[in-house]
Amino acid sequence: MFMDTTSISFEGAGGETLGQRGHSKDHRPDLMQLILCVVIDNEGRPICTEIMPGNTADVSVLLPTIDRLRHRFAIG
């Protein structure tokens, strides 16, 4: 499996629960953002995606995501 995260900035109304200011990978600290996590298998097929608040650090996502995948899909 391969997991990657990225920040997605947005403008406008909405996103009250996920939209936060955090480390902007697209160099837009002035905008609200959310964190998108994508997990793919060794053939490049998507297994799952997760969305987290925009102030979530990448390193804090890895282990909880792996634990959820192990339980949901019986991945070893």
PDB file of N, CA and C in Angstrom:
ATOM      1  N   MET A   1       0.826  -1.173   0.000  1.00  0.00           N
ATOM      2  CA  MET A   1       0.000   0.000   0.000  1.00  0.00           C
ATOM      3  C   MET A   1       0.870   1.236   0.000  1.00  0.00           C
ATOM      4  N   PHE A   2       0.297   2.297  -0.563  1.00  0.00           N
ATOM      5  CA  PHE A   2       0.936   3.603  -0.584  1.00  0.00           C
ATOM      6  C   PHE A   2      -0.080   4.616  -0.082  1.00  0.00           C
ATOM      7  N   MET A   3       0.355   5.484   0.817  1.00  0.00           N
ATOM      8  CA  MET A   3      -0.531   6.521   1.337  1.00  0.00           C
ATOM      9  C   MET A   3       0.111   7.870   1.136  1.00  0.00           C
ATOM     10  N   ASP A   4      -0.691   8.837   0.704  1.00  0.00           N
ATOM     11  CA  ASP A   4      -0.192  10.197   0.527  1.00  0.00           C
ATOM     12  C   ASP A   4      -1.242  11.168   1.023  1.00  0.00           C
ATOM     13  N   THR A   5      -0.789  12.305   1.520  1.00  0.00           N
ATOM     14  CA  THR A   5      -1.697  13.363   1.944  1.00  0.00           C
ATOM     15  C   THR A   5      -1.361  14.639   1.204  1.00  0.00           C
ATOM     16  N   THR A   6      -2.348  15.472   1.040  1.00  0.00           N
ATOM     17  CA  THR A   6      -2.148  16.797   0.475  1.00  0.00           C
ATOM     18  C   THR A   6      -3.151  17.745   1.087  1.00  0.00           C
ATOM     19  N   SER A   7      -2.826  19.023   1.038  1.00  0.00           N
ATOM     20  CA  SER A   7      -3.764  20.031   1.518  1.00  0.00           C
ATOM     21  C   SER A   7      -4.505  20.612   0.322  1.00  0.00           C
ATOM     22  N   ILE A   8      -5.785  20.872   0.521  1.00  0.00           N
ATOM     23  CA  ILE A   8      -6.615  21.464  -0.518  1.00  0.00           C
ATOM     24  C   ILE A   8      -7.199  22.748   0.050  1.00  0.00           C
ATOM     25  N   SER A   9      -6.833  23.871  -0.552  1.00  0.00           N
ATOM     26  CA  SER A   9      -7.338  25.168  -0.113  1.00  0.00           C
ATOM     27  C   SER A   9      -8.666  25.461  -0.782  1.00  0.00           C
ATOM     28  N   PHE A  10      -9.502  26.245  -0.096  1.00  0.00           N
ATOM     29  CA  PHE A  10     -10.772  26.626  -0.693  1.00  0.00           C
ATOM     30  C   PHE A  10     -11.180  28.006  -0.204  1.00  0.00           C
ATOM     31  N   GLU A  11     -12.044  28.627  -0.968  1.00  0.00           N
ATOM     32  CA  GLU A  11     -12.590  29.935  -0.641  1.00  0.00           C
ATOM     33  C   GLU A  11     -14.097  29.825  -0.526  1.00  0.00           C
ATOM     34  N   GLY A  12     -14.723  30.790   0.119  1.00  0.00           N
ATOM     35  CA  GLY A  12     -16.169  30.836   0.175  1.00  0.00           C
ATOM     36  C   GLY A  12     -16.732  30.253   1.452  1.00  0.00           C
ATOM     37  N   ALA A  13     -18.039  30.173   1.473  1.00  0.00           N
ATOM     38  CA  ALA A  13     -18.744  29.687   2.651  1.00  0.00           C
ATOM     39  C   ALA A  13     -18.696  28.172   2.724  1.00  0.00           C
ATOM     40  N   GLY A  14     -18.934  27.652   3.915  1.00  0.00           N
ATOM     41  CA  GLY A  14     -18.936  26.210   4.117  1.00  0.00           C
ATOM     42  C   GLY A  14     -17.634  25.730   4.718  1.00  0.00           C
ATOM     43  N   GLY A  15     -17.577  24.457   4.983  1.00  0.00           N
ATOM     44  CA  GLY A  15     -16.358  23.861   5.524  1.00  0.00           C
ATOM     45  C   GLY A  15     -16.096  24.198   6.974  1.00  0.00           C
ATOM     46  N   GLU A  16     -17.156  24.506   7.723  1.00  0.00           N
ATOM     47  CA  GLU A  16     -16.955  24.910   9.112  1.00  0.00           C
ATOM     48  C   GLU A  16     -16.319  23.822   9.967  1.00  0.00           C
ATOM     49  N   THR A  17     -16.570  22.556   9.670  1.00  0.00           N
ATOM     50  CA  THR A  17     -16.031  21.483  10.511  1.00  0.00           C
ATOM     51  C   THR A  17     -14.646  21.038  10.070  1.00  0.00           C
ATOM     52  N   LEU A  18     -14.361  21.068   8.777  1.00  0.00           N
ATOM     53  CA  LEU A  18     -13.059  20.606   8.282  1.00  0.00           C
ATOM     54  C   LEU A  18     -12.128  21.753   7.896  1.00  0.00           C
ATOM     55  N   GLY A  19     -12.681  22.869   7.510  1.00  0.00           N
ATOM     56  CA  GLY A  19     -11.852  23.989   7.068  1.00  0.00           C
ATOM     57  C   GLY A  19     -11.091  24.605   8.222  1.00  0.00           C
ATOM     58  N   GLN A  20      -9.783  24.548   8.153  1.00  0.00           N
ATOM     59  CA  GLN A  20      -8.903  25.104   9.180  1.00  0.00           C
ATOM     60  C   GLN A  20      -7.700  25.728   8.490  1.00  0.00           C
ATOM     61  N   ARG A  21      -7.002  26.565   9.205  1.00  0.00           N
ATOM     62  CA  ARG A  21      -5.730  27.083   8.696  1.00  0.00           C
ATOM     63  C   ARG A  21      -4.636  26.160   9.221  1.00  0.00           C
ATOM     64  N   GLY A  22      -3.708  25.804   8.332  1.00  0.00           N
ATOM     65  CA  GLY A  22      -2.615  24.925   8.705  1.00  0.00           C
ATOM     66  C   GLY A  22      -1.464  25.124   7.740  1.00  0.00           C
ATOM     67  N   HIS A  23      -0.518  24.211   7.728  1.00  0.00           N
ATOM     68  CA  HIS A  23       0.611  24.297   6.805  1.00  0.00           C
ATOM     69  C   HIS A  23       0.088  24.059   5.387  1.00  0.00           C
ATOM     70  N   SER A  24       0.120  25.093   4.567  1.00  0.00           N
ATOM     71  CA  SER A  24      -0.420  25.018   3.212  1.00  0.00           C
ATOM     72  C   SER A  24       0.654  24.551   2.242  1.00  0.00           C
ATOM     73  N   LYS A  25       0.449  23.379   1.635  1.00  0.00           N
ATOM     74  CA  LYS A  25       1.408  22.848   0.668  1.00  0.00           C
ATOM     75  C   LYS A  25       1.356  23.595  -0.660  1.00  0.00           C
ATOM     76  N   ASP A  26       0.272  24.331  -0.895  1.00  0.00           N
ATOM     77  CA  ASP A  26       0.184  25.114  -2.126  1.00  0.00           C
ATOM     78  C   ASP A  26       0.450  26.598  -1.855  1.00  0.00           C
ATOM     79  N   HIS A  27       1.103  26.870  -0.724  1.00  0.00           N
ATOM     80  CA  HIS A  27       1.581  28.218  -0.387  1.00  0.00           C
ATOM     81  C   HIS A  27       0.461  29.240  -0.319  1.00  0.00           C
ATOM     82  N   ARG A  28      -0.687  28.869   0.254  1.00  0.00           N
ATOM     83  CA  ARG A  28      -1.814  29.777   0.429  1.00  0.00           C
ATOM     84  C   ARG A  28      -2.262  29.765   1.891  1.00  0.00           C
ATOM     85  N   PRO A  29      -1.410  30.253   2.803  1.00  0.00           N
ATOM     86  CA  PRO A  29      -1.800  30.249   4.214  1.00  0.00           C
ATOM     87  C   PRO A  29      -2.967  31.173   4.524  1.00  0.00           C
ATOM     88  N   ASP A  30      -3.344  32.020   3.567  1.00  0.00           N
ATOM     89  CA  ASP A  30      -4.461  32.940   3.771  1.00  0.00           C
ATOM     90  C   ASP A  30      -5.818  32.265   3.592  1.00  0.00           C
ATOM     91  N   LEU A  31      -5.841  31.051   3.037  1.00  0.00           N
ATOM     92  CA  LEU A  31      -7.093  30.352   2.760  1.00  0.00           C
ATOM     93  C   LEU A  31      -7.332  29.210   3.741  1.00  0.00           C
ATOM     94  N   MET A  32      -8.603  28.888   3.947  1.00  0.00           N
ATOM     95  CA  MET A  32      -8.959  27.703   4.722  1.00  0.00           C
ATOM     96  C   MET A  32      -8.588  26.474   3.890  1.00  0.00           C
ATOM     97  N   GLN A  33      -8.331  25.373   4.554  1.00  0.00           N
ATOM     98  CA  GLN A  33      -7.952  24.162   3.833  1.00  0.00           C
ATOM     99  C   GLN A  33      -8.446  22.934   4.566  1.00  0.00           C
ATOM    100  N   LEU A  34      -8.382  21.813   3.863  1.00  0.00           N
ATOM    101  CA  LEU A  34      -8.624  20.506   4.454  1.00  0.00           C
ATOM    102  C   LEU A  34      -7.502  19.592   3.984  1.00  0.00           C
ATOM    103  N   ILE A  35      -7.343  18.471   4.649  1.00  0.00           N
ATOM    104  CA  ILE A  35      -6.309  17.498   4.308  1.00  0.00           C
ATOM    105  C   ILE A  35      -6.972  16.285   3.677  1.00  0.00           C
ATOM    106  N   LEU A  36      -6.499  15.907   2.505  1.00  0.00           N
ATOM    107  CA  LEU A  36      -7.002  14.734   1.799  1.00  0.00           C
ATOM    108  C   LEU A  36      -5.943  13.641   1.882  1.00  0.00           C
ATOM    109  N   CYS A  37      -6.350  12.466   2.314  1.00  0.00           N
ATOM    110  CA  CYS A  37      -5.465  11.303   2.405  1.00  0.00           C
ATOM    111  C   CYS A  37      -5.975  10.259   1.413  1.00  0.00           C
ATOM    112  N   VAL A  38      -5.082   9.726   0.592  1.00  0.00           N
ATOM    113  CA  VAL A  38      -5.437   8.709  -0.389  1.00  0.00           C
ATOM    114  C   VAL A  38      -4.546   7.494  -0.151  1.00  0.00           C
ATOM    115  N   VAL A  39      -5.159   6.307  -0.130  1.00  0.00           N
ATOM    116  CA  VAL A  39      -4.422   5.049   0.023  1.00  0.00           C
ATOM    117  C   VAL A  39      -4.678   4.217  -1.227  1.00  0.00           C
ATOM    118  N   ILE A  40      -3.582   3.748  -1.866  1.00  0.00           N
ATOM    119  CA  ILE A  40      -3.705   2.905  -3.055  1.00  0.00           C
ATOM    120  C   ILE A  40      -2.952   1.600  -2.830  1.00  0.00           C
ATOM    121  N   ASP A  41      -3.328   0.560  -3.595  1.00  0.00           N
ATOM    122  CA  ASP A  41      -2.625  -0.716  -3.476  1.00  0.00           C
ATOM    123  C   ASP A  41      -1.407  -0.719  -4.403  1.00  0.00           C
ATOM    124  N   ASN A  42      -0.689  -1.835  -4.438  1.00  0.00           N
ATOM    125  CA  ASN A  42       0.553  -1.909  -5.224  1.00  0.00           C
ATOM    126  C   ASN A  42       0.315  -1.903  -6.733  1.00  0.00           C
ATOM    127  N   GLU A  43      -0.937  -1.973  -7.159  1.00  0.00           N
ATOM    128  CA  GLU A  43      -1.271  -1.901  -8.581  1.00  0.00           C
ATOM    129  C   GLU A  43      -1.800  -0.518  -8.951  1.00  0.00           C
ATOM    130  N   GLY A  44      -1.854   0.382  -7.973  1.00  0.00           N
ATOM    131  CA  GLY A  44      -2.327   1.736  -8.237  1.00  0.00           C
ATOM    132  C   GLY A  44      -3.816   1.925  -8.106  1.00  0.00           C
ATOM    133  N   ARG A  45      -4.510   0.915  -7.585  1.00  0.00           N
ATOM    134  CA  ARG A  45      -5.958   1.020  -7.398  1.00  0.00           C
ATOM    135  C   ARG A  45      -6.259   1.672  -6.049  1.00  0.00           C
ATOM    136  N   PRO A  46      -7.202   2.601  -6.021  1.00  0.00           N
ATOM    137  CA  PRO A  46      -7.525   3.252  -4.741  1.00  0.00           C
ATOM    138  C   PRO A  46      -8.217   2.292  -3.780  1.00  0.00           C
ATOM    139  N   ILE A  47      -7.788   2.336  -2.536  1.00  0.00           N
ATOM    140  CA  ILE A  47      -8.404   1.535  -1.480  1.00  0.00           C
ATOM    141  C   ILE A  47      -9.375   2.402  -0.691  1.00  0.00           C
ATOM    142  N   CYS A  48      -8.929   3.606  -0.319  1.00  0.00           N
ATOM    143  CA  CYS A  48      -9.817   4.503   0.400  1.00  0.00           C
ATOM    144  C   CYS A  48      -9.267   5.921   0.362  1.00  0.00           C
ATOM    145  N   THR A  49     -10.138   6.846   0.701  1.00  0.00           N
ATOM    146  CA  THR A  49      -9.751   8.235   0.892  1.00  0.00           C
ATOM    147  C   THR A  49     -10.310   8.684   2.230  1.00  0.00           C
ATOM    148  N   GLU A  50      -9.639   9.622   2.835  1.00  0.00           N
ATOM    149  CA  GLU A  50     -10.119  10.203   4.078  1.00  0.00           C
ATOM    150  C   GLU A  50      -9.887  11.701   4.012  1.00  0.00           C
ATOM    151  N   ILE A  51     -10.771  12.443   4.647  1.00  0.00           N
ATOM    152  CA  ILE A  51     -10.639  13.892   4.716  1.00  0.00           C
ATOM    153  C   ILE A  51     -10.538  14.282   6.180  1.00  0.00           C
ATOM    154  N   MET A  52      -9.554  15.142   6.477  1.00  0.00           N
ATOM    155  CA  MET A  52      -9.328  15.585   7.843  1.00  0.00           C
ATOM    156  C   MET A  52      -9.293  17.102   7.900  1.00  0.00           C
ATOM    157  N   PRO A  53      -9.426  17.672   9.106  1.00  0.00           N
ATOM    158  CA  PRO A  53      -9.332  19.121   9.242  1.00  0.00           C
ATOM    159  C   PRO A  53      -8.006  19.648   8.694  1.00  0.00           C
ATOM    160  N   GLY A  54      -8.032  20.881   8.203  1.00  0.00           N
ATOM    161  CA  GLY A  54      -6.872  21.466   7.539  1.00  0.00           C
ATOM    162  C   GLY A  54      -5.665  21.705   8.411  1.00  0.00           C
ATOM    163  N   ASN A  55      -5.809  21.638   9.721  1.00  0.00           N
ATOM    164  CA  ASN A  55      -4.657  21.825  10.599  1.00  0.00           C
ATOM    165  C   ASN A  55      -4.089  20.502  11.114  1.00  0.00           C
ATOM    166  N   THR A  56      -4.439  19.384  10.458  1.00  0.00           N
ATOM    167  CA  THR A  56      -3.950  18.061  10.844  1.00  0.00           C
ATOM    168  C   THR A  56      -2.548  17.845  10.274  1.00  0.00           C
ATOM    169  N   ALA A  57      -1.612  17.447  11.122  1.00  0.00           N
ATOM    170  CA  ALA A  57      -0.239  17.163  10.669  1.00  0.00           C
ATOM    171  C   ALA A  57      -0.190  15.801   9.985  1.00  0.00           C
ATOM    172  N   ASP A  58       0.578  15.718   8.887  1.00  0.00           N
ATOM    173  CA  ASP A  58       0.703  14.465   8.133  1.00  0.00           C
ATOM    174  C   ASP A  58       1.099  13.289   9.012  1.00  0.00           C
ATOM    175  N   VAL A  59       2.059  13.506   9.893  1.00  0.00           N
ATOM    176  CA  VAL A  59       2.581  12.400  10.701  1.00  0.00           C
ATOM    177  C   VAL A  59       1.546  11.848  11.670  1.00  0.00           C
ATOM    178  N   SER A  60       0.538  12.655  12.003  1.00  0.00           N
ATOM    179  CA  SER A  60      -0.481  12.173  12.937  1.00  0.00           C
ATOM    180  C   SER A  60      -1.557  11.343  12.251  1.00  0.00           C
ATOM    181  N   VAL A  61      -1.515  11.253  10.932  1.00  0.00           N
ATOM    182  CA  VAL A  61      -2.535  10.551  10.153  1.00  0.00           C
ATOM    183  C   VAL A  61      -2.149   9.105   9.862  1.00  0.00           C
ATOM    184  N   LEU A  62      -0.881   8.819   9.716  1.00  0.00           N
ATOM    185  CA  LEU A  62      -0.406   7.521   9.232  1.00  0.00           C
ATOM    186  C   LEU A  62      -0.889   6.343  10.080  1.00  0.00           C
ATOM    187  N   LEU A  63      -0.548   6.305  11.344  1.00  0.00           N
ATOM    188  CA  LEU A  63      -0.873   5.137  12.172  1.00  0.00           C
ATOM    189  C   LEU A  63      -2.377   4.947  12.380  1.00  0.00           C
ATOM    190  N   PRO A  64      -3.153   5.998  12.663  1.00  0.00           N
ATOM    191  CA  PRO A  64      -4.600   5.780  12.778  1.00  0.00           C
ATOM    192  C   PRO A  64      -5.234   5.283  11.476  1.00  0.00           C
ATOM    193  N   THR A  65      -4.752   5.762  10.338  1.00  0.00           N
ATOM    194  CA  THR A  65      -5.281   5.301   9.050  1.00  0.00           C
ATOM    195  C   THR A  65      -4.948   3.838   8.827  1.00  0.00           C
ATOM    196  N   ILE A  66      -3.740   3.423   9.145  1.00  0.00           N
ATOM    197  CA  ILE A  66      -3.350   2.015   9.004  1.00  0.00           C
ATOM    198  C   ILE A  66      -4.218   1.133   9.901  1.00  0.00           C
ATOM    199  N   ASP A  67      -4.448   1.562  11.132  1.00  0.00           N
ATOM    200  CA  ASP A  67      -5.299   0.781  12.041  1.00  0.00           C
ATOM    201  C   ASP A  67      -6.716   0.631  11.493  1.00  0.00           C
ATOM    202  N   ARG A  68      -7.290   1.723  10.967  1.00  0.00           N
ATOM    203  CA  ARG A  68      -8.641   1.645  10.404  1.00  0.00           C
ATOM    204  C   ARG A  68      -8.683   0.709   9.198  1.00  0.00           C
ATOM    205  N   LEU A  69      -7.646   0.747   8.344  1.00  0.00           N
ATOM    206  CA  LEU A  69      -7.600  -0.130   7.176  1.00  0.00           C
ATOM    207  C   LEU A  69      -7.503  -1.588   7.581  1.00  0.00           C
ATOM    208  N   ARG A  70      -6.708  -1.866   8.590  1.00  0.00           N
ATOM    209  CA  ARG A  70      -6.575  -3.255   9.062  1.00  0.00           C
ATOM    210  C   ARG A  70      -7.913  -3.805   9.531  1.00  0.00           C
ATOM    211  N   HIS A  71      -8.672  -2.984  10.224  1.00  0.00           N
ATOM    212  CA  HIS A  71      -9.971  -3.435  10.726  1.00  0.00           C
ATOM    213  C   HIS A  71     -11.033  -3.489   9.629  1.00  0.00           C
ATOM    214  N   ARG A  72     -11.065  -2.516   8.750  1.00  0.00           N
ATOM    215  CA  ARG A  72     -12.106  -2.466   7.710  1.00  0.00           C
ATOM    216  C   ARG A  72     -11.911  -3.511   6.629  1.00  0.00           C
ATOM    217  N   PHE A  73     -10.646  -3.725   6.205  1.00  0.00           N
ATOM    218  CA  PHE A  73     -10.382  -4.570   5.057  1.00  0.00           C
ATOM    219  C   PHE A  73      -9.530  -5.801   5.358  1.00  0.00           C
ATOM    220  N   ALA A  74      -9.233  -6.058   6.621  1.00  0.00           N
ATOM    221  CA  ALA A  74      -8.397  -7.191   7.028  1.00  0.00           C
ATOM    222  C   ALA A  74      -7.057  -7.184   6.292  1.00  0.00           C
ATOM    223  N   ILE A  75      -6.452  -6.007   6.211  1.00  0.00           N
ATOM    224  CA  ILE A  75      -5.143  -5.841   5.553  1.00  0.00           C
ATOM    225  C   ILE A  75      -4.049  -6.127   6.566  1.00  0.00           C
ATOM    226  N   GLY A  76      -3.090  -6.939   6.171  1.00  0.00           N
ATOM    227  CA  GLY A  76      -1.975  -7.277   7.055  1.00  0.00           C
ATOM    228  C   GLY A  76      -0.789  -6.391   6.863  1.00  0.00           C
TER     229      GLY A  76
END
